[in-house]
């Protein structure tokens, strides 16, 4: 099973477990990978290398969301959500 298929399998498992945030985050990752594979006029094969590149960018984007979110009570829930998304992204992004 390649990395793309493992992310999709984890998304299905999250759906079965009722973990909405994890399912939505993984679905966003899959959509981001699909978008990268279809950029331009031709579709490229989804390889582990492509998944690693996309997941590195995805993790960086989520990290920026965490870093720019204000540390106030008003945004506490949003920051907690971003941190949870970051932990999920770290599971699949290369080090």
Protein backbone atom coordinates (compact mmCIF):
# COMPACT_ATOMS: atom_id res chain seq x y z
CA UNK A 1 0.00 0.00 0.00
CA UNK A 2 1.46 3.36 -0.98
CA UNK A 3 1.20 6.52 1.11
CA UNK A 4 -1.79 7.89 -0.81
CA UNK A 5 -3.76 4.70 -0.26
CA UNK A 6 -2.83 4.65 3.43
CA UNK A 7 -4.15 8.20 3.87
CA UNK A 8 -7.39 7.19 2.17
CA UNK A 9 -7.63 4.10 4.39
CA UNK A 10 -7.13 6.24 7.49
CA UNK A 11 -9.86 8.58 6.25
CA UNK A 12 -12.25 5.63 5.94
CA UNK A 13 -11.30 4.43 9.43
CA UNK A 14 -11.94 7.90 10.85
CA UNK A 15 -15.35 7.93 9.18
CA UNK A 16 -16.21 4.57 10.77
CA UNK A 17 -14.95 5.75 14.16
CA UNK A 18 -16.94 8.98 13.99
CA UNK A 19 -13.85 11.19 14.28
CA UNK A 20 -15.10 14.16 12.27
CA UNK A 21 -12.03 16.41 12.55
CA UNK A 22 -9.65 13.62 11.55
CA UNK A 23 -11.87 12.60 8.63
CA UNK A 24 -12.16 16.17 7.38
CA UNK A 25 -8.43 16.78 7.72
CA UNK A 26 -7.56 13.58 5.87
CA UNK A 27 -10.15 14.38 3.18
CA UNK A 28 -8.50 17.79 2.75
CA UNK A 29 -5.12 16.08 2.41
CA UNK A 30 -6.48 13.70 -0.25
CA UNK A 31 -8.03 16.61 -2.15
CA UNK A 32 -4.75 18.53 -1.99
CA UNK A 33 -2.85 15.53 -3.35
CA UNK A 34 -5.43 15.04 -6.12
CA UNK A 35 -5.17 18.72 -7.04
CA UNK A 36 -1.38 18.51 -7.24
CA UNK A 37 -1.66 15.44 -9.46
CA UNK A 38 -3.96 17.23 -11.90
CA UNK A 39 -2.20 20.57 -12.07
CA UNK A 40 -1.67 21.73 -15.60
CA UNK A 41 -3.21 20.04 -18.59
CA UNK A 42 -2.13 16.51 -17.79
CA UNK A 43 -2.54 14.25 -14.82
CA UNK A 44 0.61 12.86 -13.25
CA UNK A 45 0.85 9.57 -11.40
CA UNK A 46 0.43 9.84 -7.63
CA UNK A 47 3.69 8.50 -6.25
CA UNK A 48 5.09 8.48 -2.74
CA UNK A 49 7.45 11.28 -3.78
CA UNK A 50 4.52 13.47 -4.85
CA UNK A 51 2.65 12.66 -1.64
CA UNK A 52 5.72 13.58 0.43
CA UNK A 53 6.09 16.91 -1.38
CA UNK A 54 2.42 17.78 -0.98
CA UNK A 55 2.31 16.70 2.66
CA UNK A 56 5.38 18.79 3.47
CA UNK A 57 3.66 21.86 2.02
CA UNK A 58 0.40 20.97 3.77
CA UNK A 59 2.14 20.64 7.14
CA UNK A 60 3.90 23.97 6.61
CA UNK A 61 0.58 25.66 5.76
CA UNK A 62 -1.10 24.29 8.89
CA UNK A 63 1.90 25.34 10.99
CA UNK A 64 1.53 28.88 9.65
CA UNK A 65 -2.15 28.79 10.60
CA UNK A 66 -1.19 27.81 14.15
CA UNK A 67 1.52 30.47 14.33
CA UNK A 68 -0.72 33.30 13.11
CA UNK A 69 -3.77 32.41 15.20
CA UNK A 70 -4.11 34.85 18.11
CA UNK A 71 -3.67 33.51 21.65
CA UNK A 72 -6.93 34.90 22.96
CA UNK A 73 -9.99 33.22 24.44
CA UNK A 74 -11.97 34.20 21.36
CA UNK A 75 -9.77 32.04 19.11
CA UNK A 76 -8.95 29.24 21.58
CA UNK A 77 -11.21 26.70 19.85
CA UNK A 78 -9.85 27.53 16.42
CA UNK A 79 -6.25 27.27 17.63
CA UNK A 80 -7.00 23.89 19.23
CA UNK A 81 -8.46 22.71 15.91
CA UNK A 82 -5.37 23.90 14.03
CA UNK A 83 -3.10 22.12 16.51
CA UNK A 84 -5.09 18.89 16.08
CA UNK A 85 -4.81 19.23 12.29
CA UNK A 86 -1.07 19.78 12.63
CA UNK A 87 -0.68 16.57 14.64
CA UNK A 88 -2.57 14.64 11.96
CA UNK A 89 -0.44 16.21 9.22
CA UNK A 90 2.73 15.24 11.10
CA UNK A 91 1.65 11.59 10.97
CA UNK A 92 1.82 11.58 7.18
CA UNK A 93 4.40 14.23 6.31
CA UNK A 94 8.06 13.29 6.08
CA UNK A 95 10.31 14.61 8.82
